[in-house]
Amino acid sequence: MKVLLTGTSSGLGSELCSFFLDRGDTVLGISRKTTKKNGNQQRDTDERFTFLACDLGSEEQIQTAVSELSNKNINFDAVVLNAAAIEDDLIDGKLDYAKLKKIFEINVLGNMNLLAGVLPLVRQRGAIVAVSSLSVILDLSRRRCAYPASKAALNCIFDAFRLKMSGQYRFITVNLGRLGNQAKLPFQVSYRQAASKIIRLIETESASEVINFPWTVSYASRILRHLPPAFSRKYLSD
């Protein structure tokens, strides 16, 4: 399988990249930063991995990346839009517009700009995955509003894609809960677990098009949404 993967320098993107390469897949990774395998060895020692530096917040860099990809004459079996910006944009009750703008430029506009350019390079019925967040259901952070809103916007766009282009491509939305490989927090999912879930969805033609993982967090979030806002602010917000 030939995969275009964004955000490969760390976290889930790095784990996905390793997972694909371990399976024998070919990966073209996009990231702002130099990307490393297992945190120490350069992935460019693997002939099945190609790295392309690109900041999704820069229209110029995206167009350059699309041009380079087009010249490679690659037909991708899957595109995984994993890269995202997450920052606190509500500080001491004040909205940081610059951060809000940056988050939307990367999480929504940058991803769509890249996808618009590479869509002709994806094979018929190829999988296009939006890595999103369960925060679209309920976000209890006191310091963020742009991140869940940007992911909600991304999800809405993919809903529209499924209605209008379902015969051409498979559009998959994966809403993930808290991720991490360090200290285990309640309901936290490891990067490996999330990567495995995403790859299974790509491989399974009959898989659901919208996945909430883990389902326990999704279910709890839907219940908590019905609580009075005052209760959530007092007892649940971090």
Foldseek 3Di string as FASTA:
>chain_A
DEEEEEPCADFLNVLLVQVCVVVVAAYEYEYQDQHAHPPPHRPVVPVSYHYDYADLLDLVRLVVVLVVVVVVLAAGLEYEYDDFDDDFQQDPNDGNVVVLVSRLSRLPVSVVSNCVSCVVSYAFAREYEYEAALCCLPDQAPGDDSRSVSRVVVVVVLVVCCVPPVRGYQAAYEHEYAEDDPDDDVLYDYSNVVSVVVVVQRVDSPDDRYYYPPVVVNVVSNVCVPDPPVCSNVPPHD
